[in-house]
Amino acid sequence: MDNNQKGLFFLGIFLAIGLSIAGYFISQTIYNSKVALNTAEAKGLAERRVRADTANWDLVFSVSGKTKAELPDLYAEAEKRQKIIIEMLKEKGFEENEIEIGVIDYYPEEYRDENQNLVDQKHNLVGSITVNTHKVDLVSKVRADVNTLIARGIDIENRAPVYLFTKLNDIKPDMLREATKNARLAANEFAQNAGVTVGGIRSARQGSFYIKDAGNSYGDTEKIEKDVRVVTTITFYLTDNRCFCFSK
């Protein structure tokens, strides 16, 4: 065999070996890619029962007279009633900085017949007091006591308080961890049946946090007890447990 033939012979051997090695790595890369693309999507739920930490409570009082000439006396009476309500709130445990005094508004009313002749009139003064507090339990208790002012001749509208939970950021991290954990548990159930193993997270979508009054399907301002809920959607990588062997 001359030198040219020997060179071609060894070149052919090297090319064969190179193609074999390249084929192995290509096949291995394709396999790994397919494994990496095997994923499972699962949802994870987390719920908390919490208590409102803030209450907004409006009290509206009014006085009225038949003539405009009565307005000075009506204003004096409105201010008197305003003072009575504020003193009661303070006696029951609310601080001055929790009590917001609204303006006293004037609302005249006129009643006319079919010929537009004035047949009656009413002059109303309406004032408001708002309690903004973190003492949510005290609001619930004092509401009943305020109604006793009606027996003292005070025309008062005891409006329903608005109870709010404002500390969502304090519980978000723990709830998201719990939701992610529950999503992984759901993915593991799928993986066990499919003969695969759940790996790392490929992607995650956090749902919105929902706050509802405890036991209600809607509304989040009427009750002190609240339910907080979040659902996350997690896509996990799956690893095939089967062994793929390549012959030499």
C-alpha atoms as a PDB file:
ATOM      1  CA  MET A   1       0.000   0.000   0.000  1.00  0.00           C
ATOM      2  CA  ASP A   2       1.531   3.280  -1.092  1.00  0.00           C
ATOM      3  CA  ASN A   3       1.532   6.431   1.014  1.00  0.00           C
ATOM      4  CA  ASN A   4      -1.514   7.917  -0.717  1.00  0.00           C
ATOM      5  CA  GLN A   5      -3.570   4.810  -0.066  1.00  0.00           C
ATOM      6  CA  LYS A   6      -2.441   4.723   3.580  1.00  0.00           C
ATOM      7  CA  GLY A   7      -3.421   8.351   4.001  1.00  0.00           C
ATOM      8  CA  LEU A   8      -6.867   7.741   2.580  1.00  0.00           C
ATOM      9  CA  PHE A   9      -7.274   4.666   4.764  1.00  0.00           C
ATOM     10  CA  PHE A  10      -6.498   6.496   8.008  1.00  0.00           C
ATOM     11  CA  LEU A  11      -8.576   9.498   6.908  1.00  0.00           C
ATOM     12  CA  GLY A  12     -11.550   7.205   6.452  1.00  0.00           C
ATOM     13  CA  ILE A  13     -11.037   5.715   9.917  1.00  0.00           C
ATOM     14  CA  PHE A  14     -10.843   9.180  11.526  1.00  0.00           C
ATOM     15  CA  LEU A  15     -13.955  10.313   9.685  1.00  0.00           C
ATOM     16  CA  ALA A  16     -15.878   7.239  10.834  1.00  0.00           C
ATOM     17  CA  ILE A  17     -14.829   7.758  14.452  1.00  0.00           C
ATOM     18  CA  GLY A  18     -15.717  11.458  14.273  1.00  0.00           C
ATOM     19  CA  LEU A  19     -19.118  10.763  12.822  1.00  0.00           C
ATOM     20  CA  SER A  20     -19.809   8.183  15.518  1.00  0.00           C
ATOM     21  CA  ILE A  21     -18.849  10.577  18.304  1.00  0.00           C
ATOM     22  CA  ALA A  22     -20.816  13.417  16.730  1.00  0.00           C
ATOM     23  CA  GLY A  23     -23.820  11.167  16.298  1.00  0.00           C
ATOM     24  CA  TYR A  24     -23.714  10.222  19.972  1.00  0.00           C
ATOM     25  CA  PHE A  25     -23.597  13.818  21.177  1.00  0.00           C
ATOM     26  CA  ILE A  26     -26.301  14.893  18.747  1.00  0.00           C
ATOM     27  CA  SER A  27     -28.595  12.098  19.895  1.00  0.00           C
ATOM     28  CA  GLN A  28     -27.824  12.876  23.538  1.00  0.00           C
ATOM     29  CA  THR A  29     -28.563  16.573  22.991  1.00  0.00           C
ATOM     30  CA  ILE A  30     -31.866  15.786  21.278  1.00  0.00           C
ATOM     31  CA  TYR A  31     -32.811  13.469  24.140  1.00  0.00           C
ATOM     32  CA  ASN A  32     -31.938  16.027  26.776  1.00  0.00           C
ATOM     33  CA  SER A  33     -33.910  18.667  24.921  1.00  0.00           C
ATOM     34  CA  LYS A  34     -36.962  16.444  24.802  1.00  0.00           C
ATOM     35  CA  VAL A  35     -36.655  15.722  28.495  1.00  0.00           C
ATOM     36  CA  ALA A  36     -36.338  19.427  29.267  1.00  0.00           C
ATOM     37  CA  LEU A  37     -39.493  20.177  27.271  1.00  0.00           C
ATOM     38  CA  ASN A  38     -41.531  17.680  29.295  1.00  0.00           C
ATOM     39  CA  THR A  39     -43.478  19.855  31.710  1.00  0.00           C
ATOM     40  CA  ALA A  40     -46.532  19.755  33.910  1.00  0.00           C
ATOM     41  CA  GLU A  41     -48.733  22.693  34.864  1.00  0.00           C
ATOM     42  CA  ALA A  42     -50.366  22.678  38.283  1.00  0.00           C
ATOM     43  CA  LYS A  43     -52.375  25.127  40.343  1.00  0.00           C
ATOM     44  CA  GLY A  44     -51.757  25.779  44.015  1.00  0.00           C
ATOM     45  CA  LEU A  45     -54.279  27.303  46.414  1.00  0.00           C
ATOM     46  CA  ALA A  46     -53.598  29.144  49.674  1.00  0.00           C
ATOM     47  CA  GLU A  47     -56.226  30.558  52.039  1.00  0.00           C
ATOM     48  CA  ARG A  48     -56.136  32.534  55.275  1.00  0.00           C
ATOM     49  CA  ARG A  49     -58.791  33.645  57.751  1.00  0.00           C
ATOM     50  CA  VAL A  50     -57.902  37.135  58.951  1.00  0.00           C
ATOM     51  CA  ARG A  51     -59.498  39.966  60.926  1.00  0.00           C
ATOM     52  CA  ALA A  52     -60.117  43.495  59.711  1.00  0.00           C
ATOM     53  CA  ASP A  53     -57.643  45.954  61.159  1.00  0.00           C
ATOM     54  CA  THR A  54     -59.368  49.206  60.189  1.00  0.00           C
ATOM     55  CA  ALA A  55     -62.925  50.519  60.457  1.00  0.00           C
ATOM     56  CA  ASN A  56     -64.559  53.570  58.883  1.00  0.00           C
ATOM     57  CA  TRP A  57     -67.852  54.497  60.534  1.00  0.00           C
ATOM     58  CA  ASP A  58     -70.136  57.390  59.577  1.00  0.00           C
ATOM     59  CA  LEU A  59     -72.727  59.002  61.832  1.00  0.00           C
ATOM     60  CA  VAL A  60     -75.120  61.508  60.250  1.00  0.00           C
ATOM     61  CA  PHE A  61     -77.366  63.792  62.304  1.00  0.00           C
ATOM     62  CA  SER A  62     -79.901  66.411  61.247  1.00  0.00           C
ATOM     63  CA  VAL A  63     -82.209  69.158  62.469  1.00  0.00           C
ATOM     64  CA  SER A  64     -84.965  70.864  60.539  1.00  0.00           C
ATOM     65  CA  GLY A  65     -87.374  73.812  60.747  1.00  0.00           C
ATOM     66  CA  LYS A  66     -90.301  75.272  58.859  1.00  0.00           C
ATOM     67  CA  THR A  67     -88.958  78.745  58.153  1.00  0.00           C
ATOM     68  CA  LYS A  68     -85.659  80.253  57.086  1.00  0.00           C
ATOM     69  CA  ALA A  69     -85.824  82.555  60.096  1.00  0.00           C
ATOM     70  CA  GLU A  70     -85.180  79.513  62.297  1.00  0.00           C
ATOM     71  CA  LEU A  71     -81.741  78.891  60.794  1.00  0.00           C
ATOM     72  CA  PRO A  72     -79.678  80.557  63.549  1.00  0.00           C
ATOM     73  CA  ASP A  73     -81.403  78.447  66.192  1.00  0.00           C
ATOM     74  CA  LEU A  74     -81.094  75.376  63.990  1.00  0.00           C
ATOM     75  CA  TYR A  75     -77.336  75.869  63.645  1.00  0.00           C
ATOM     76  CA  ALA A  76     -77.011  76.197  67.420  1.00  0.00           C
ATOM     77  CA  GLU A  77     -78.984  72.985  67.901  1.00  0.00           C
ATOM     78  CA  ALA A  78     -76.924  71.154  65.256  1.00  0.00           C
ATOM     79  CA  GLU A  79     -73.671  72.146  66.972  1.00  0.00           C
ATOM     80  CA  LYS A  80     -75.114  71.019  70.304  1.00  0.00           C
ATOM     81  CA  ARG A  81     -75.997  67.591  68.917  1.00  0.00           C
ATOM     82  CA  GLN A  82     -72.610  67.312  67.269  1.00  0.00           C
ATOM     83  CA  LYS A  83     -70.958  67.908  70.635  1.00  0.00           C
ATOM     84  CA  ILE A  84     -73.165  65.317  72.361  1.00  0.00           C
ATOM     85  CA  ILE A  85     -72.218  62.645  69.812  1.00  0.00           C
ATOM     86  CA  ILE A  86     -68.497  63.432  70.028  1.00  0.00           C
ATOM     87  CA  GLU A  87     -68.529  63.338  73.841  1.00  0.00           C
ATOM     88  CA  MET A  88     -70.238  59.964  73.783  1.00  0.00           C
ATOM     89  CA  LEU A  89     -67.679  58.537  71.350  1.00  0.00           C
ATOM     90  CA  LYS A  90     -64.838  59.708  73.561  1.00  0.00           C
ATOM     91  CA  GLU A  91     -66.496  58.294  76.682  1.00  0.00           C
ATOM     92  CA  LYS A  92     -66.746  54.922  74.952  1.00  0.00           C
ATOM     93  CA  GLY A  93     -63.007  54.815  74.203  1.00  0.00           C
ATOM     94  CA  PHE A  94     -62.303  56.593  70.924  1.00  0.00           C
ATOM     95  CA  GLU A  95     -59.475  59.132  70.771  1.00  0.00           C
ATOM     96  CA  GLU A  96     -59.868  62.638  69.400  1.00  0.00           C
ATOM     97  CA  ASN A  97     -57.568  61.864  66.456  1.00  0.00           C
ATOM     98  CA  GLU A  98     -59.895  59.004  65.468  1.00  0.00           C
ATOM     99  CA  ILE A  99     -62.919  61.314  65.186  1.00  0.00           C
ATOM    100  CA  GLU A 100     -63.340  63.452  62.076  1.00  0.00           C
ATOM    101  CA  ILE A 101     -65.936  66.221  62.207  1.00  0.00           C
ATOM    102  CA  GLY A 102     -67.686  67.016  58.942  1.00  0.00           C
ATOM    103  CA  VAL A 103     -69.282  70.295  57.920  1.00  0.00           C
ATOM    104  CA  ILE A 104     -72.921  71.096  58.658  1.00  0.00           C
ATOM    105  CA  ASP A 105     -74.687  71.424  55.311  1.00  0.00           C
ATOM    106  CA  TYR A 106     -77.864  73.320  54.568  1.00  0.00           C
ATOM    107  CA  TYR A 107     -80.589  71.678  52.423  1.00  0.00           C
ATOM    108  CA  PRO A 108     -83.764  73.720  51.795  1.00  0.00           C
ATOM    109  CA  GLU A 109     -86.868  71.999  50.434  1.00  0.00           C
ATOM    110  CA  GLU A 110     -89.910  73.609  48.855  1.00  0.00           C
ATOM    111  CA  TYR A 111     -93.292  72.063  48.088  1.00  0.00           C
ATOM    112  CA  ARG A 112     -95.507  73.691  45.471  1.00  0.00           C
ATOM    113  CA  ASP A 113     -98.954  72.974  44.105  1.00  0.00           C
ATOM    114  CA  GLU A 114     -99.844  72.489  40.437  1.00  0.00           C
ATOM    115  CA  ASN A 115     -99.846  76.246  39.967  1.00  0.00           C
ATOM    116  CA  GLN A 116     -96.347  76.529  41.416  1.00  0.00           C
ATOM    117  CA  ASN A 117     -97.612  78.263  44.539  1.00  0.00           C
ATOM    118  CA  LEU A 118     -95.478  77.601  47.617  1.00  0.00           C
ATOM    119  CA  VAL A 119     -97.522  75.492  50.035  1.00  0.00           C
ATOM    120  CA  ASP A 120     -94.837  74.254  52.402  1.00  0.00           C
ATOM    121  CA  GLN A 121     -91.118  74.419  53.037  1.00  0.00           C
ATOM    122  CA  LYS A 122     -88.506  72.714  55.133  1.00  0.00           C
ATOM    123  CA  HIS A 123     -85.044  73.854  56.109  1.00  0.00           C
ATOM    124  CA  ASN A 124     -82.613  71.058  56.949  1.00  0.00           C
ATOM    125  CA  LEU A 125     -79.181  71.122  58.496  1.00  0.00           C
ATOM    126  CA  VAL A 126     -77.224  67.880  58.132  1.00  0.00           C
ATOM    127  CA  GLY A 127     -73.906  67.140  59.818  1.00  0.00           C
ATOM    128  CA  SER A 128     -71.627  64.142  59.830  1.00  0.00           C
ATOM    129  CA  ILE A 129     -69.030  62.578  62.091  1.00  0.00           C
ATOM    130  CA  THR A 130     -66.646  59.903  60.850  1.00  0.00           C
ATOM    131  CA  VAL A 131     -64.715  57.487  63.031  1.00  0.00           C
ATOM    132  CA  ASN A 132     -61.508  56.153  61.442  1.00  0.00           C
ATOM    133  CA  THR A 133     -59.959  53.643  63.798  1.00  0.00           C
ATOM    134  CA  HIS A 134     -58.091  50.394  64.248  1.00  0.00           C
ATOM    135  CA  LYS A 135     -60.398  49.517  67.177  1.00  0.00           C
ATOM    136  CA  VAL A 136     -62.704  47.427  65.046  1.00  0.00           C
ATOM    137  CA  ASP A 137     -64.212  45.534  67.979  1.00  0.00           C
ATOM    138  CA  LEU A 138     -65.007  48.792  69.788  1.00  0.00           C
ATOM    139  CA  VAL A 139     -66.892  50.080  66.752  1.00  0.00           C
ATOM    140  CA  SER A 140     -69.061  46.986  66.737  1.00  0.00           C
ATOM    141  CA  LYS A 141     -69.826  47.450  70.435  1.00  0.00           C
ATOM    142  CA  VAL A 142     -70.474  51.217  70.452  1.00  0.00           C
ATOM    143  CA  ARG A 143     -72.854  51.113  67.480  1.00  0.00           C
ATOM    144  CA  ALA A 144     -75.632  49.795  69.719  1.00  0.00           C
ATOM    145  CA  ASP A 145     -74.959  52.481  72.339  1.00  0.00           C
ATOM    146  CA  VAL A 146     -75.235  55.284  69.784  1.00  0.00           C
ATOM    147  CA  ASN A 147     -78.815  54.289  69.064  1.00  0.00           C
ATOM    148  CA  THR A 148     -79.740  55.387  72.607  1.00  0.00           C
ATOM    149  CA  LEU A 149     -79.244  58.978  71.432  1.00  0.00           C
ATOM    150  CA  ILE A 150     -82.482  58.670  69.500  1.00  0.00           C
ATOM    151  CA  ALA A 151     -84.290  58.501  72.846  1.00  0.00           C
ATOM    152  CA  ARG A 152     -82.729  61.867  73.671  1.00  0.00           C
ATOM    153  CA  GLY A 153     -84.379  63.425  70.641  1.00  0.00           C
ATOM    154  CA  ILE A 154     -81.384  63.338  68.340  1.00  0.00           C
ATOM    155  CA  ASP A 155     -82.197  62.433  64.744  1.00  0.00           C
ATOM    156  CA  ILE A 156     -79.166  60.292  63.903  1.00  0.00           C
ATOM    157  CA  GLU A 157     -78.357  57.890  61.101  1.00  0.00           C
ATOM    158  CA  ASN A 158     -76.102  55.134  62.406  1.00  0.00           C
ATOM    159  CA  ARG A 159     -74.556  53.894  59.178  1.00  0.00           C
ATOM    160  CA  ALA A 160     -72.980  50.477  58.793  1.00  0.00           C
ATOM    161  CA  PRO A 161     -69.218  50.537  59.355  1.00  0.00           C
ATOM    162  CA  VAL A 162     -66.796  49.596  56.623  1.00  0.00           C
ATOM    163  CA  TYR A 163     -64.340  46.978  57.913  1.00  0.00           C
ATOM    164  CA  LEU A 164     -61.069  46.697  55.982  1.00  0.00           C
ATOM    165  CA  PHE A 165     -58.068  44.389  56.041  1.00  0.00           C
ATOM    166  CA  THR A 166     -55.046  46.485  55.064  1.00  0.00           C
ATOM    167  CA  LYS A 167     -52.132  44.200  55.956  1.00  0.00           C
ATOM    168  CA  LEU A 168     -52.137  41.995  52.868  1.00  0.00           C
ATOM    169  CA  ASN A 169     -48.441  42.603  52.210  1.00  0.00           C
ATOM    170  CA  ASP A 170     -47.634  41.067  55.603  1.00  0.00           C
ATOM    171  CA  ILE A 171     -49.113  37.686  54.664  1.00  0.00           C
ATOM    172  CA  LYS A 172     -48.386  37.609  50.919  1.00  0.00           C
ATOM    173  CA  PRO A 173     -44.957  35.879  51.114  1.00  0.00           C
ATOM    174  CA  ASP A 174     -46.197  33.001  53.304  1.00  0.00           C
ATOM    175  CA  MET A 175     -49.312  32.527  51.203  1.00  0.00           C
ATOM    176  CA  LEU A 176     -47.327  32.414  47.965  1.00  0.00           C
ATOM    177  CA  ARG A 177     -44.950  29.846  49.466  1.00  0.00           C
ATOM    178  CA  GLU A 178     -47.900  27.738  50.543  1.00  0.00           C
ATOM    179  CA  ALA A 179     -49.568  28.019  47.130  1.00  0.00           C
ATOM    180  CA  THR A 180     -46.324  27.002  45.396  1.00  0.00           C
ATOM    181  CA  LYS A 181     -45.921  24.045  47.768  1.00  0.00           C
ATOM    182  CA  ASN A 182     -49.473  22.902  47.044  1.00  0.00           C
ATOM    183  CA  ALA A 183     -48.866  23.228  43.309  1.00  0.00           C
ATOM    184  CA  ARG A 184     -45.796  20.988  43.619  1.00  0.00           C
ATOM    185  CA  LEU A 185     -47.843  18.421  45.557  1.00  0.00           C
ATOM    186  CA  ALA A 186     -50.381  18.391  42.726  1.00  0.00           C
ATOM    187  CA  ALA A 187     -47.595  18.024  40.143  1.00  0.00           C
ATOM    188  CA  ASN A 188     -46.084  15.145  42.136  1.00  0.00           C
ATOM    189  CA  GLU A 189     -49.402  13.281  41.948  1.00  0.00           C
ATOM    190  CA  PHE A 190     -49.314  13.596  38.177  1.00  0.00           C
ATOM    191  CA  ALA A 191     -45.643  12.661  37.995  1.00  0.00           C
ATOM    192  CA  GLN A 192     -46.084   9.561  40.133  1.00  0.00           C
ATOM    193  CA  ASN A 193     -48.756   8.229  37.800  1.00  0.00           C
ATOM    194  CA  ALA A 194     -46.680   9.080  34.730  1.00  0.00           C
ATOM    195  CA  GLY A 195     -43.442   7.569  36.033  1.00  0.00           C
ATOM    196  CA  VAL A 196     -41.545  10.845  35.946  1.00  0.00           C
ATOM    197  CA  THR A 197     -39.957  13.135  38.517  1.00  0.00           C
ATOM    198  CA  VAL A 198     -40.874  16.763  39.170  1.00  0.00           C
ATOM    199  CA  GLY A 199     -37.910  19.079  38.779  1.00  0.00           C
ATOM    200  CA  GLY A 200     -37.480  22.836  38.985  1.00  0.00           C
ATOM    201  CA  ILE A 201     -39.919  25.561  38.078  1.00  0.00           C
ATOM    202  CA  ARG A 202     -40.038  26.563  34.432  1.00  0.00           C
ATOM    203  CA  SER A 203     -42.535  29.413  34.877  1.00  0.00           C
ATOM    204  CA  ALA A 204     -44.948  30.743  37.468  1.00  0.00           C
ATOM    205  CA  ARG A 205     -48.032  32.938  37.283  1.00  0.00           C
ATOM    206  CA  GLN A 206     -49.328  34.534  40.424  1.00  0.00           C
ATOM    207  CA  GLY A 207     -53.062  35.023  40.537  1.00  0.00           C
ATOM    208  CA  SER A 208     -54.739  37.988  42.194  1.00  0.00           C
ATOM    209  CA  PHE A 209     -55.311  38.045  45.923  1.00  0.00           C
ATOM    210  CA  TYR A 210     -59.003  38.049  46.794  1.00  0.00           C
ATOM    211  CA  ILE A 211     -60.386  39.302  50.111  1.00  0.00           C
ATOM    212  CA  LYS A 212     -63.984  38.411  50.964  1.00  0.00           C
ATOM    213  CA  ASP A 213     -66.128  38.688  54.057  1.00  0.00           C
ATOM    214  CA  ALA A 214     -65.953  35.357  55.891  1.00  0.00           C
ATOM    215  CA  GLY A 215     -68.632  33.001  54.646  1.00  0.00           C
ATOM    216  CA  ASN A 216     -69.719  35.315  51.819  1.00  0.00           C
ATOM    217  CA  SER A 217     -69.240  34.762  48.111  1.00  0.00           C
ATOM    218  CA  TYR A 218     -68.850  38.501  47.461  1.00  0.00           C
ATOM    219  CA  GLY A 219     -68.302  41.730  49.397  1.00  0.00           C
ATOM    220  CA  ASP A 220     -65.352  42.559  51.626  1.00  0.00           C
ATOM    221  CA  THR A 221     -66.447  45.441  53.877  1.00  0.00           C
ATOM    222  CA  GLU A 222     -69.305  44.249  56.082  1.00  0.00           C
ATOM    223  CA  LYS A 223     -67.674  41.733  58.421  1.00  0.00           C
ATOM    224  CA  ILE A 224     -64.682  41.857  60.724  1.00  0.00           C
ATOM    225  CA  GLU A 225     -63.683  38.301  59.755  1.00  0.00           C
ATOM    226  CA  LYS A 226     -62.240  38.011  56.234  1.00  0.00           C
ATOM    227  CA  ASP A 227     -61.071  35.197  53.970  1.00  0.00           C
ATOM    228  CA  VAL A 228     -57.983  35.819  51.829  1.00  0.00           C
ATOM    229  CA  ARG A 229     -57.371  33.562  48.823  1.00  0.00           C
ATOM    230  CA  VAL A 230     -54.760  33.248  46.078  1.00  0.00           C
ATOM    231  CA  VAL A 231     -54.170  30.696  43.315  1.00  0.00           C
ATOM    232  CA  THR A 232     -50.806  30.323  41.589  1.00  0.00           C
ATOM    233  CA  THR A 233     -50.172  28.473  38.330  1.00  0.00           C
ATOM    234  CA  ILE A 234     -46.769  26.774  38.204  1.00  0.00           C
ATOM    235  CA  THR A 235     -45.150  24.945  35.288  1.00  0.00           C
ATOM    236  CA  PHE A 236     -42.615  22.360  36.460  1.00  0.00           C
ATOM    237  CA  TYR A 237     -39.941  20.527  34.497  1.00  0.00           C
ATOM    238  CA  LEU A 238     -40.338  16.748  34.406  1.00  0.00           C
ATOM    239  CA  THR A 239     -37.464  14.262  34.275  1.00  0.00           C
ATOM    240  CA  ASP A 240     -37.970  10.803  32.799  1.00  0.00           C
ATOM    241  CA  ASN A 241     -36.928   8.127  35.286  1.00  0.00           C
ATOM    242  CA  ARG A 242     -36.142   5.560  32.599  1.00  0.00           C
ATOM    243  CA  CYS A 243     -32.502   4.826  31.741  1.00  0.00           C
ATOM    244  CA  PHE A 244     -31.393   5.449  28.131  1.00  0.00           C
ATOM    245  CA  CYS A 245     -28.172   3.575  27.381  1.00  0.00           C
ATOM    246  CA  PHE A 246     -26.070   3.961  24.267  1.00  0.00           C
ATOM    247  CA  SER A 247     -23.962   1.062  23.004  1.00  0.00           C
ATOM    248  CA  LYS A 248     -20.347   1.654  22.351  1.00  0.00           C
END
